[in-house]
């Protein structure tokens, strides 16, 4: 008979249960760990995925990892910047007929203190796993959820004893359990969008392809026989191809040999999977919140899926910490869906468009390869060299919610390519150098940040909120839309919450922090020390 263990609500309880041990769940664990939130991560698989899966950590995600102190470790296991490029070939062993750079990956950009990287998910996850002290339990599966007035009761299966059932009472659940989310299914939350698009197979293999790829490196090679990607700087390859009807029974070594034109290769492992495209109808159900693929699934082209999920939990975890520590009202959690669901919808449209553009290139090439026609050496890309120039999408979004003191109405659509830095409330605070190797982005953390050329004027009385005042060089003031006496209030996730062009009144900062976090400013003023 299954063993049932009950964990009562008491001091030392788990505050947040994270369901899902992929990059999004592991990032949430690291973020909550920095806030001192007692979290437990559970993952139904017994170990991190051995498959490469996600390939691209974009510049915004690397900014988040820089703040967590993990960026250097991630970059140490990644490819060199010259792999930040895609190449199109008729066969992997053929010549390029088109190529495009991944902006922010192939070289530094002035808009950020970091550079994104090409790496494999199975190299990323161990770095994230080591980046926090909170417990992470693999081989443990969520079976049941029940919300109560003051928490959530979860029933978990697995653990140290076979068939063990654990009843765990927590304050909140953060679901990062993938496109086939158990949590989303248990809550009955529907999805919108194209849905399941196509079945794919990943074949991990070893082969010596240096003759054709060493002097023309790329993160991905698109060919008529599928996508090929180098796995690790020291070697290894993956082949991504639509799954044939007899996929589970196919002769994959023979199919791979044919795709490689006879180059010897050893198949290491094979995985079949579905590519999905949807956005959940809701990101929140009371004390339970969805993030990553549980909230939105993206086609793989463009590398947007995992990175969108990382930005989700960066937005969410400081709000959970505020509610749990009492300096934010529970209503602050409503702003998570208000801010992130529009981003997910825009990103899904971009990811679907990316897929269509890739297919357009391949269709153009097939048309050129008709019998009796001499194929040209080059195909003009339908997006030019700016296809992966998506800084406008990943850095240029604007939040509109009660957690931003700005105008009402929907946030403007960011351009897909061009990014125009702005310190407008709701935008990501622009990267500006404050000193050698110290960016404005390095002033953010587990606190609100006041950036001002006049720190003394804004260093007010102690407040219930974690807050710091940082000096902003006066030469940056006009760019940020303030005078030498003004200030920017930046949230822990690096988005500008409020902007004042001139000096503060007595309660300016306190009133703003109260409004942003859903608190009663008058009550806070009465409780504040003189």
Protein backbone atom coordinates (compact mmCIF):
# COMPACT_ATOMS: atom_id res chain seq x y z
CA UNK A 1 0.00 0.00 0.00
CA UNK A 2 1.30 3.47 -0.86
CA UNK A 3 2.71 5.34 2.09
CA UNK A 4 1.13 8.76 2.79
CA UNK A 5 3.07 11.37 4.73
CA UNK A 6 1.46 14.66 5.83
CA UNK A 7 3.56 17.79 6.22
CA UNK A 8 1.66 20.31 8.42
CA UNK A 9 1.76 24.08 8.00
CA UNK A 10 4.31 25.23 10.52
CA UNK A 11 7.61 27.05 10.88
CA UNK A 12 10.09 25.62 8.40
CA UNK A 13 7.42 24.73 5.85
CA UNK A 14 7.98 24.96 2.12
CA UNK A 15 6.70 28.32 0.94
CA UNK A 16 6.83 27.74 -2.83
CA UNK A 17 6.61 24.39 -4.60
CA UNK A 18 8.26 24.55 -8.03
CA UNK A 19 6.97 21.83 -10.35
CA UNK A 20 9.41 21.15 -13.18
CA UNK A 21 13.21 20.90 -13.20
CA UNK A 22 14.04 22.35 -16.62
CA UNK A 23 15.80 25.70 -17.13
CA UNK A 24 12.73 27.75 -16.17
CA UNK A 25 12.07 25.87 -12.93
CA UNK A 26 15.75 25.86 -12.02
CA UNK A 27 16.00 29.61 -12.69
CA UNK A 28 12.96 30.22 -10.47
CA UNK A 29 14.64 28.18 -7.72
CA UNK A 30 17.80 30.31 -7.97
CA UNK A 31 15.81 33.57 -7.92
CA UNK A 32 13.70 32.57 -4.92
CA UNK A 33 16.83 31.35 -3.14
CA UNK A 34 18.32 34.85 -3.41
CA UNK A 35 15.16 36.27 -1.80
CA UNK A 36 15.40 33.82 1.08
CA UNK A 37 12.15 32.11 0.06
CA UNK A 38 11.92 28.49 1.17
CA UNK A 39 11.32 26.62 -2.08
CA UNK A 40 11.19 22.96 -3.07
CA UNK A 41 11.64 21.88 -6.70
CA UNK A 42 10.24 18.55 -7.88
CA UNK A 43 10.84 16.95 -11.27
CA UNK A 44 9.26 13.70 -12.43
CA UNK A 45 12.34 12.57 -14.37
CA UNK A 46 15.05 10.99 -12.27
CA UNK A 47 17.82 13.24 -13.61
CA UNK A 48 18.24 16.35 -15.75
CA UNK A 49 17.61 15.80 -19.45
CA UNK A 50 20.48 14.16 -21.37
CA UNK A 51 19.20 15.73 -24.62
CA UNK A 52 20.37 19.10 -25.96
CA UNK A 53 16.85 20.52 -26.51
CA UNK A 54 17.04 24.34 -26.11
CA UNK A 55 20.13 25.75 -27.84
CA UNK A 56 20.17 29.51 -27.36
CA UNK A 57 20.51 31.65 -24.23
CA UNK A 58 19.73 35.15 -25.47
CA UNK A 59 21.15 38.42 -24.27
CA UNK A 60 18.28 39.17 -21.86
CA UNK A 61 18.55 35.76 -20.22
CA UNK A 62 22.30 36.25 -19.83
CA UNK A 63 21.60 39.60 -18.14
CA UNK A 64 19.40 37.75 -15.64
CA UNK A 65 22.10 35.14 -15.09
CA UNK A 66 24.69 37.89 -14.65
CA UNK A 67 22.56 39.21 -11.80
CA UNK A 68 22.50 35.72 -10.27
CA UNK A 69 26.25 35.31 -10.63
CA UNK A 70 25.83 32.43 -13.09
CA UNK A 71 26.66 34.02 -16.45
CA UNK A 72 30.38 33.21 -16.36
CA UNK A 73 29.72 29.54 -15.59
CA UNK A 74 27.21 29.29 -18.44
CA UNK A 75 29.56 30.98 -20.90
CA UNK A 76 32.43 28.66 -19.86
CA UNK A 77 30.51 25.66 -21.25
CA UNK A 78 29.19 27.46 -24.35
CA UNK A 79 30.42 27.82 -27.91
CA UNK A 80 32.60 30.70 -29.05
CA UNK A 81 30.74 33.75 -30.45
CA UNK A 82 31.44 32.77 -34.08
CA UNK A 83 28.91 29.95 -33.62
CA UNK A 84 26.21 32.61 -33.26
CA UNK A 85 25.18 32.16 -36.89
CA UNK A 86 22.85 30.00 -38.98
CA UNK A 87 23.86 28.54 -42.33
CA UNK A 88 21.73 27.14 -45.14
CA UNK A 89 23.05 24.29 -47.29
CA UNK A 90 21.62 21.70 -49.64
CA UNK A 91 23.51 19.08 -47.61
CA UNK A 92 25.58 19.46 -44.46
CA UNK A 93 28.69 18.66 -46.49
CA UNK A 94 27.85 21.22 -49.16
CA UNK A 95 28.46 24.96 -49.52
CA UNK A 96 26.43 27.72 -47.88
CA UNK A 97 23.77 29.19 -50.14
CA UNK A 98 22.65 31.63 -47.40
CA UNK A 99 23.72 32.64 -43.90
CA UNK A 100 22.59 35.02 -41.15
CA UNK A 101 24.06 36.20 -37.85
CA UNK A 102 22.29 35.97 -34.49
CA UNK A 103 22.47 39.52 -33.18
CA UNK A 104 23.62 39.67 -29.58
CA UNK A 105 25.11 36.16 -29.87
CA UNK A 106 27.77 36.44 -32.56
CA UNK A 107 29.29 39.61 -31.08
CA UNK A 108 28.71 42.06 -28.22
CA UNK A 109 26.05 44.73 -28.65
CA UNK A 110 26.25 48.18 -27.06
CA UNK A 111 22.75 47.77 -25.60
CA UNK A 112 23.86 45.16 -23.04
CA UNK A 113 26.83 44.39 -20.78
CA UNK A 114 26.64 40.70 -21.77
CA UNK A 115 26.55 38.55 -24.87
CA UNK A 116 24.15 35.68 -25.43
CA UNK A 117 25.51 32.21 -26.05
CA UNK A 118 24.88 29.05 -28.03
CA UNK A 119 24.90 26.12 -25.61
CA UNK A 120 23.05 22.87 -25.06
CA UNK A 121 20.37 22.56 -22.41
CA UNK A 122 22.15 19.59 -20.85
CA UNK A 123 25.15 21.89 -20.24
CA UNK A 124 23.01 24.76 -18.95
CA UNK A 125 20.95 22.80 -16.41
CA UNK A 126 23.86 21.60 -14.20
CA UNK A 127 25.06 25.20 -13.81
CA UNK A 128 21.57 26.28 -12.77
CA UNK A 129 21.17 23.32 -10.45
CA UNK A 130 24.40 24.25 -8.64
CA UNK A 131 23.31 27.89 -8.45
CA UNK A 132 20.98 27.55 -5.44
CA UNK A 133 20.82 25.74 -2.10
CA UNK A 134 17.09 25.03 -2.02
CA UNK A 135 16.25 21.30 -2.30
CA UNK A 136 15.60 19.83 -5.74
CA UNK A 137 14.03 16.35 -5.86
CA UNK A 138 14.21 14.38 -9.11
CA UNK A 139 12.02 11.32 -9.63
CA UNK A 140 9.13 13.01 -7.79
CA UNK A 141 5.86 13.64 -9.61
CA UNK A 142 2.91 15.90 -8.78
CA UNK A 143 -0.31 13.88 -8.61
CA UNK A 144 -2.93 16.12 -6.98
CA UNK A 145 -3.49 19.78 -6.12
CA UNK A 146 -6.08 21.39 -3.84
CA UNK A 147 -6.30 25.08 -3.02
CA UNK A 148 -7.25 26.22 0.46
CA UNK A 149 -7.83 29.68 1.87
CA UNK A 150 -4.27 30.06 3.12
CA UNK A 151 -2.31 27.73 0.87
CA UNK A 152 -2.17 24.81 -1.53
CA UNK A 153 -2.03 21.10 -0.69
CA UNK A 154 -0.02 19.03 -3.16
CA UNK A 155 0.26 15.25 -3.29
CA UNK A 156 3.59 14.04 -4.62
CA UNK A 157 4.53 10.58 -5.84
CA UNK A 158 7.99 9.04 -5.65
CA UNK A 159 11.05 9.84 -3.65
CA UNK A 160 13.39 7.73 -1.58
CA UNK A 161 10.86 4.90 -1.26
CA UNK A 162 9.12 3.30 -4.19
CA UNK A 163 5.41 4.18 -4.30
CA UNK A 164 5.78 6.84 -1.60
CA UNK A 165 3.03 9.47 -1.46
CA UNK A 166 3.73 12.79 0.25
CA UNK A 167 1.12 15.38 1.14
CA UNK A 168 2.76 18.80 1.23
CA UNK A 169 1.16 22.08 2.26
CA UNK A 170 2.70 25.20 0.65
CA UNK A 171 1.83 28.87 0.24
CA UNK A 172 2.16 28.98 -3.56
CA UNK A 173 2.86 26.65 -6.50
CA UNK A 174 4.96 27.73 -9.48
CA UNK A 175 4.28 25.39 -12.41
CA UNK A 176 7.14 25.11 -14.90
CA UNK A 177 6.30 21.55 -15.95
CA UNK A 178 6.34 21.94 -19.70
CA UNK A 179 3.94 22.07 -22.62
CA UNK A 180 2.10 18.97 -21.36
CA UNK A 181 1.77 20.55 -17.92
CA UNK A 182 0.15 18.38 -15.27
CA UNK A 183 -0.65 21.49 -13.24
CA UNK A 184 -2.40 23.21 -16.15
CA UNK A 185 -4.42 20.05 -16.79
CA UNK A 186 -5.42 19.66 -13.12
CA UNK A 187 -6.59 23.29 -13.06
CA UNK A 188 -8.54 22.92 -16.31
CA UNK A 189 -6.82 25.91 -17.94
CA UNK A 190 -7.24 25.92 -21.71
CA UNK A 191 -4.89 27.19 -24.38
CA UNK A 192 -5.19 29.28 -27.54
CA UNK A 193 -3.07 29.12 -30.69
CA UNK A 194 -2.13 26.63 -33.41
CA UNK A 195 -1.49 23.81 -30.91
CA UNK A 196 0.58 20.78 -31.89
CA UNK A 197 2.36 21.60 -35.15
CA UNK A 198 4.58 18.65 -36.05
CA UNK A 199 6.39 15.66 -34.63
CA UNK A 200 10.19 15.84 -34.55
CA UNK A 201 12.99 13.42 -33.78
CA UNK A 202 16.34 14.35 -32.26
CA UNK A 203 19.21 12.01 -33.13
CA UNK A 204 22.35 12.59 -31.07
CA UNK A 205 25.41 11.24 -32.89
CA UNK A 206 29.17 11.37 -33.13
CA UNK A 207 30.90 12.07 -36.44
CA UNK A 208 33.99 13.84 -37.70
CA UNK A 209 32.55 16.78 -39.67
CA UNK A 210 35.47 19.17 -39.28
CA UNK A 211 36.22 19.09 -43.00
CA UNK A 212 32.90 20.77 -43.80
CA UNK A 213 32.20 22.83 -40.68
CA UNK A 214 35.39 23.80 -38.83
CA UNK A 215 36.14 26.87 -40.95
CA UNK A 216 32.44 27.81 -41.31
CA UNK A 217 31.06 27.40 -37.78
CA UNK A 218 27.39 27.83 -36.94
CA UNK A 219 24.97 27.08 -34.15
CA UNK A 220 22.54 25.55 -36.64
CA UNK A 221 22.85 24.26 -40.21
CA UNK A 222 19.57 24.13 -42.13
CA UNK A 223 19.59 21.54 -44.93
CA UNK A 224 17.13 19.76 -47.16
CA UNK A 225 17.59 16.75 -44.85
CA UNK A 226 16.80 18.51 -41.59
CA UNK A 227 18.63 20.68 -39.06
CA UNK A 228 22.12 19.83 -37.84
CA UNK A 229 23.66 21.38 -34.73
CA UNK A 230 27.01 20.94 -32.99
CA UNK A 231 26.36 19.98 -29.37
CA UNK A 232 29.47 20.86 -27.39
CA UNK A 233 32.71 22.70 -28.09
CA UNK A 234 34.59 19.42 -27.71
CA UNK A 235 32.37 17.47 -30.11
CA UNK A 236 29.04 15.74 -30.66
CA UNK A 237 26.17 16.51 -33.03
CA UNK A 238 22.38 16.51 -33.11
CA UNK A 239 20.10 15.99 -36.09
CA UNK A 240 16.58 17.43 -35.86
CA UNK A 241 14.19 16.05 -38.46
CA UNK A 242 10.41 15.64 -38.88
CA UNK A 243 9.42 12.22 -37.53
CA UNK A 244 8.35 9.81 -40.29
CA UNK A 245 5.18 7.74 -39.94
CA UNK A 246 7.13 4.74 -38.70
CA UNK A 247 9.37 6.85 -36.46
CA UNK A 248 9.67 4.50 -33.47
CA UNK A 249 10.60 1.60 -35.77
CA UNK A 250 12.67 3.49 -38.34
CA UNK A 251 16.26 2.55 -39.10
CA UNK A 252 17.72 5.79 -37.75
CA UNK A 253 21.41 4.93 -38.34
CA UNK A 254 20.57 4.32 -42.03
CA UNK A 255 18.50 7.52 -42.27
CA UNK A 256 21.32 9.52 -40.69
CA UNK A 257 23.92 8.00 -43.04
CA UNK A 258 21.79 8.99 -46.02
CA UNK A 259 21.35 12.55 -44.68
CA UNK A 260 25.12 12.86 -44.19
CA UNK A 261 25.90 11.58 -47.65
CA UNK A 262 27.73 8.51 -46.39
CA UNK A 263 29.92 10.18 -43.75
CA UNK A 264 30.46 7.60 -40.95
CA UNK A 265 28.47 8.37 -37.80
CA UNK A 266 27.61 6.63 -34.54
CA UNK A 267 24.08 7.15 -33.17
CA UNK A 268 24.20 7.78 -29.41
CA UNK A 269 20.52 8.25 -28.53
CA UNK A 270 17.16 9.17 -30.06
CA UNK A 271 14.21 11.19 -28.81
CA UNK A 272 10.78 11.76 -30.40
CA UNK A 273 8.85 14.90 -29.45
CA UNK A 274 6.11 17.29 -30.54
CA UNK A 275 6.52 20.97 -31.37
CA UNK A 276 3.66 23.02 -29.90
CA UNK A 277 2.45 26.58 -30.38
CA UNK A 278 0.01 27.98 -27.84
CA UNK A 279 -0.56 30.43 -24.99
CA UNK A 280 -2.50 29.45 -21.88
CA UNK A 281 -5.78 31.27 -21.39
CA UNK A 282 -4.70 32.16 -17.86
CA UNK A 283 -1.31 32.29 -16.15
CA UNK A 284 -2.75 32.26 -12.62
CA UNK A 285 -5.29 30.26 -10.66
CA UNK A 286 -5.38 31.66 -7.12
CA UNK A 287 -2.10 30.69 -5.48
CA UNK A 288 -0.92 28.63 -8.46
CA UNK A 289 1.02 30.28 -11.28
CA UNK A 290 2.15 28.98 -14.68
CA UNK A 291 5.50 29.83 -16.29
CA UNK A 292 7.58 28.72 -19.25
CA UNK A 293 6.15 26.09 -21.58
CA UNK A 294 3.34 25.41 -19.09
CA UNK A 295 2.11 28.93 -19.90
CA UNK A 296 3.21 29.20 -23.54
CA UNK A 297 4.86 26.85 -26.02
CA UNK A 298 6.84 28.20 -28.98
CA UNK A 299 8.11 26.66 -32.22
CA UNK A 300 11.84 26.08 -31.88
CA UNK A 301 12.94 28.38 -34.73
CA UNK A 302 14.50 31.55 -33.33
CA UNK A 303 15.26 30.23 -29.85
CA UNK A 304 12.46 32.15 -28.14
CA UNK A 305 10.71 29.54 -25.99
CA UNK A 306 13.06 28.91 -23.07
CA UNK A 307 14.18 32.53 -22.95
CA UNK A 308 10.58 33.76 -22.66
CA UNK A 309 10.11 31.38 -19.72
CA UNK A 310 13.25 32.67 -18.00
CA UNK A 311 11.87 36.21 -18.28
CA UNK A 312 8.55 34.94 -16.84
CA UNK A 313 10.07 33.81 -13.57
CA UNK A 314 12.29 36.88 -13.36
CA UNK A 315 9.07 38.90 -13.42
CA UNK A 316 7.26 36.61 -10.97
CA UNK A 317 9.73 35.68 -8.24
CA UNK A 318 10.21 39.14 -6.75
CA UNK A 319 6.43 39.49 -6.54
CA UNK A 320 6.12 36.14 -4.75
CA UNK A 321 8.85 37.24 -2.34
CA UNK A 322 7.05 40.51 -1.63
CA UNK A 323 3.75 38.80 -0.89
CA UNK A 324 5.40 36.14 1.30
CA UNK A 325 7.44 38.70 3.25
CA UNK A 326 4.52 41.08 3.73
CA UNK A 327 5.77 44.15 1.87
CA UNK A 328 3.41 43.53 -1.05
CA UNK A 329 -0.31 42.79 -1.12
CA UNK A 330 -1.51 39.52 -2.70
CA UNK A 331 -2.97 41.57 -5.56
CA UNK A 332 0.57 42.21 -6.83
CA UNK A 333 0.50 38.69 -8.26
CA UNK A 334 -2.29 39.75 -10.63
CA UNK A 335 0.25 41.90 -12.46
CA UNK A 336 2.23 38.80 -13.48
CA UNK A 337 -0.35 37.71 -16.04
CA UNK A 338 -1.10 41.31 -17.01
CA UNK A 339 2.55 41.87 -17.91
CA UNK A 340 3.71 38.50 -19.21
CA UNK A 341 0.76 37.11 -21.17
CA UNK A 342 0.89 39.92 -23.78
CA UNK A 343 4.62 39.24 -24.15
CA UNK A 344 3.91 35.54 -24.70
CA UNK A 345 1.31 36.31 -27.38
CA UNK A 346 3.70 38.63 -29.23
CA UNK A 347 6.54 36.14 -28.96
CA UNK A 348 4.37 33.30 -30.27
CA UNK A 349 3.49 35.37 -33.33
CA UNK A 350 7.20 36.03 -33.91
CA UNK A 351 8.12 32.36 -33.47
CA UNK A 352 5.45 31.26 -35.96
CA UNK A 353 6.70 33.95 -38.38
CA UNK A 354 10.28 32.66 -37.90
CA UNK A 355 9.13 29.18 -38.90
CA UNK A 356 7.38 30.49 -41.99
CA UNK A 357 10.50 32.42 -43.05
CA UNK A 358 12.66 29.34 -42.66
CA UNK A 359 10.27 27.33 -44.79
CA UNK A 360 10.31 30.16 -47.35
CA UNK A 361 14.08 29.85 -47.72
CA UNK A 362 13.88 26.10 -48.22
CA UNK A 363 11.02 26.45 -50.71
CA UNK A 364 13.00 29.00 -52.72
CA UNK A 365 15.96 26.66 -52.83
CA UNK A 366 13.85 23.70 -53.92
CA UNK A 367 12.48 25.82 -56.76
CA UNK A 368 16.04 26.61 -57.84
CA UNK A 369 17.00 22.95 -57.83
CA UNK A 370 14.46 21.88 -60.44
CA UNK A 371 15.87 19.51 -63.09
CA UNK A 372 17.38 21.31 -66.03
CA UNK A 373 18.06 24.50 -64.09
CA UNK A 374 21.49 25.63 -62.88
CA UNK A 375 21.16 26.41 -59.18
CA UNK A 376 22.73 29.72 -58.10
CA UNK A 377 25.29 29.78 -55.32
CA UNK A 378 23.18 32.16 -53.21
CA UNK A 379 19.58 32.61 -52.07
CA UNK A 380 18.44 36.06 -51.01
CA UNK A 381 17.07 35.71 -47.49
CA UNK A 382 13.51 37.02 -47.08
CA UNK A 383 14.49 38.83 -43.89
CA UNK A 384 17.98 39.97 -44.97
CA UNK A 385 20.70 39.76 -42.32
CA UNK A 386 18.35 41.03 -39.62
CA UNK A 387 16.33 37.88 -39.02
CA UNK A 388 17.87 37.16 -35.63
CA UNK A 389 18.11 40.87 -34.76
CA UNK A 390 15.30 40.52 -32.25
CA UNK A 391 16.57 42.92 -29.61
CA UNK A 392 13.39 44.93 -29.95
CA UNK A 393 11.41 41.86 -28.91
CA UNK A 394 13.63 40.65 -26.06
CA UNK A 395 14.76 44.02 -24.67
CA UNK A 396 12.14 46.49 -25.87
CA UNK A 397 8.86 45.29 -24.33
CA UNK A 398 6.79 47.66 -22.19
CA UNK A 399 4.82 46.50 -19.15
CA UNK A 400 1.47 48.08 -18.32
CA UNK A 401 -0.01 47.10 -14.96
CA UNK A 402 -0.55 48.28 -11.41
CA UNK A 403 3.14 47.54 -10.77
CA UNK A 404 4.12 50.41 -13.09
CA UNK A 405 3.28 54.07 -12.42
CA UNK A 406 2.55 54.96 -16.02
CA UNK A 407 -0.29 55.70 -18.38
CA UNK A 408 -3.21 53.33 -18.79
CA UNK A 409 -4.06 51.21 -21.78
CA UNK A 410 -2.26 48.38 -23.54
CA UNK A 411 1.49 48.37 -23.87
CA UNK A 412 2.82 49.35 -27.29
CA UNK A 413 4.04 46.55 -29.54
CA UNK A 414 7.85 46.40 -29.58
CA UNK A 415 9.49 46.16 -32.98
CA UNK A 416 10.86 42.72 -33.76
CA UNK A 417 14.29 43.89 -34.78
CA UNK A 418 15.20 47.43 -33.79
CA UNK A 419 15.66 48.21 -30.11
CA UNK A 420 15.49 51.85 -29.00
CA UNK A 421 16.62 52.16 -25.37
CA UNK A 422 14.26 54.13 -23.13
CA UNK A 423 13.81 54.77 -19.41
CA UNK A 424 10.06 55.20 -19.83
CA UNK A 425 8.12 53.52 -16.98
CA UNK A 426 7.37 49.91 -17.90
CA UNK A 427 10.51 49.48 -20.03
CA UNK A 428 13.63 47.52 -19.15
CA UNK A 429 16.11 50.01 -17.69
CA UNK A 430 18.73 50.68 -20.38
CA UNK A 431 22.27 49.45 -19.90
CA UNK A 432 24.54 52.41 -19.12
CA UNK A 433 28.07 52.13 -17.80
CA UNK A 434 28.42 53.59 -14.29
CA UNK A 435 32.06 52.59 -13.92
CA UNK A 436 34.43 50.15 -15.52
CA UNK A 437 32.66 46.76 -15.63
CA UNK A 438 29.67 48.09 -13.67
CA UNK A 439 26.40 48.61 -15.51
CA UNK A 440 23.15 50.16 -14.39
CA UNK A 441 21.86 46.58 -14.62
CA UNK A 442 24.34 45.57 -11.90
CA UNK A 443 22.62 47.86 -9.38
CA UNK A 444 19.46 45.73 -9.39
CA UNK A 445 18.86 42.74 -7.16
CA UNK A 446 16.65 41.73 -4.25
CA UNK A 447 15.52 45.32 -3.76
CA UNK A 448 14.03 48.36 -5.50
CA UNK A 449 16.66 50.72 -6.87
CA UNK A 450 16.48 54.50 -6.99
CA UNK A 451 18.83 55.79 -9.69
CA UNK A 452 19.48 59.51 -9.33
CA UNK A 453 22.21 62.11 -9.90
CA UNK A 454 21.31 63.46 -6.41
CA UNK A 455 21.38 60.51 -3.98
CA UNK A 456 21.24 62.71 -0.87
CA UNK A 457 17.86 64.19 -1.87
CA UNK A 458 16.34 60.73 -2.36
CA UNK A 459 17.81 59.00 0.69
CA UNK A 460 14.59 59.15 2.69
CA UNK A 461 13.51 57.41 5.91
CA UNK A 462 13.49 53.66 6.40
CA UNK A 463 10.57 51.95 4.68
CA UNK A 464 9.08 48.42 4.83
CA UNK A 465 10.35 47.77 1.31
CA UNK A 466 13.87 46.64 0.41
CA UNK A 467 15.30 49.66 -1.41
CA UNK A 468 18.66 51.18 -2.28
CA UNK A 469 19.70 54.52 -3.70
CA UNK A 470 22.36 54.46 -6.42
CA UNK A 471 24.18 57.35 -8.01
CA UNK A 472 23.45 57.94 -11.71
CA UNK A 473 26.08 60.04 -13.48
CA UNK A 474 24.53 63.38 -14.38
CA UNK A 475 25.57 62.93 -18.03
CA UNK A 476 22.98 60.13 -18.25
CA UNK A 477 20.14 62.19 -16.77
CA UNK A 478 18.79 63.72 -19.98
CA UNK A 479 18.90 60.37 -21.78
CA UNK A 480 16.80 58.91 -18.95
CA UNK A 481 14.26 61.75 -19.15
CA UNK A 482 15.12 63.39 -15.81
CA UNK A 483 17.00 66.44 -14.54
CA UNK A 484 19.96 66.42 -12.20
CA UNK A 485 17.48 66.40 -9.29
CA UNK A 486 15.18 63.68 -10.63
CA UNK A 487 15.17 59.92 -10.22
CA UNK A 488 14.11 56.58 -11.64
CA UNK A 489 12.56 53.89 -9.47
CA UNK A 490 13.53 50.48 -10.85
CA UNK A 491 11.89 47.21 -9.84
CA UNK A 492 13.92 44.15 -8.82
CA UNK A 493 13.39 42.70 -12.31
CA UNK A 494 15.09 45.71 -13.90
CA UNK A 495 11.96 47.38 -15.31
CA UNK A 496 11.39 51.06 -14.60
CA UNK A 497 8.48 51.45 -12.19
CA UNK A 498 8.34 55.25 -11.94
CA UNK A 499 10.16 58.33 -13.18
CA UNK A 500 10.37 61.81 -11.67
CA UNK A 501 11.98 64.63 -13.61
CA UNK A 502 12.53 66.81 -10.56
CA UNK A 503 13.24 66.57 -6.81
CA UNK A 504 11.06 64.54 -4.46
CA UNK A 505 8.36 65.69 -2.06
CA UNK A 506 8.48 64.34 1.48
CA UNK A 507 6.57 61.13 0.73
CA UNK A 508 7.21 60.70 -3.01
CA UNK A 509 9.16 57.46 -2.78
CA UNK A 510 7.04 55.91 -0.01
CA UNK A 511 3.80 56.65 -1.87
CA UNK A 512 5.18 55.18 -5.09
CA UNK A 513 6.37 51.97 -3.43
CA UNK A 514 3.01 51.57 -1.70
CA UNK A 515 1.12 52.06 -4.96
CA UNK A 516 3.34 49.61 -6.86
CA UNK A 517 2.94 46.86 -4.28
CA UNK A 518 -0.76 47.37 -3.52
CA UNK A 519 -0.25 48.68 0.00
CA UNK A 520 -2.08 51.48 1.88
CA UNK A 521 0.31 54.43 1.76
CA UNK A 522 -1.39 56.22 4.68
CA UNK A 523 -1.04 53.17 6.91
CA UNK A 524 2.60 52.80 5.95
CA UNK A 525 3.28 56.47 6.68
CA UNK A 526 1.68 56.16 10.11
CA UNK A 527 3.78 53.08 10.89
CA UNK A 528 7.03 54.51 9.53
CA UNK A 529 9.60 55.62 12.15
CA UNK A 530 10.06 59.38 12.45
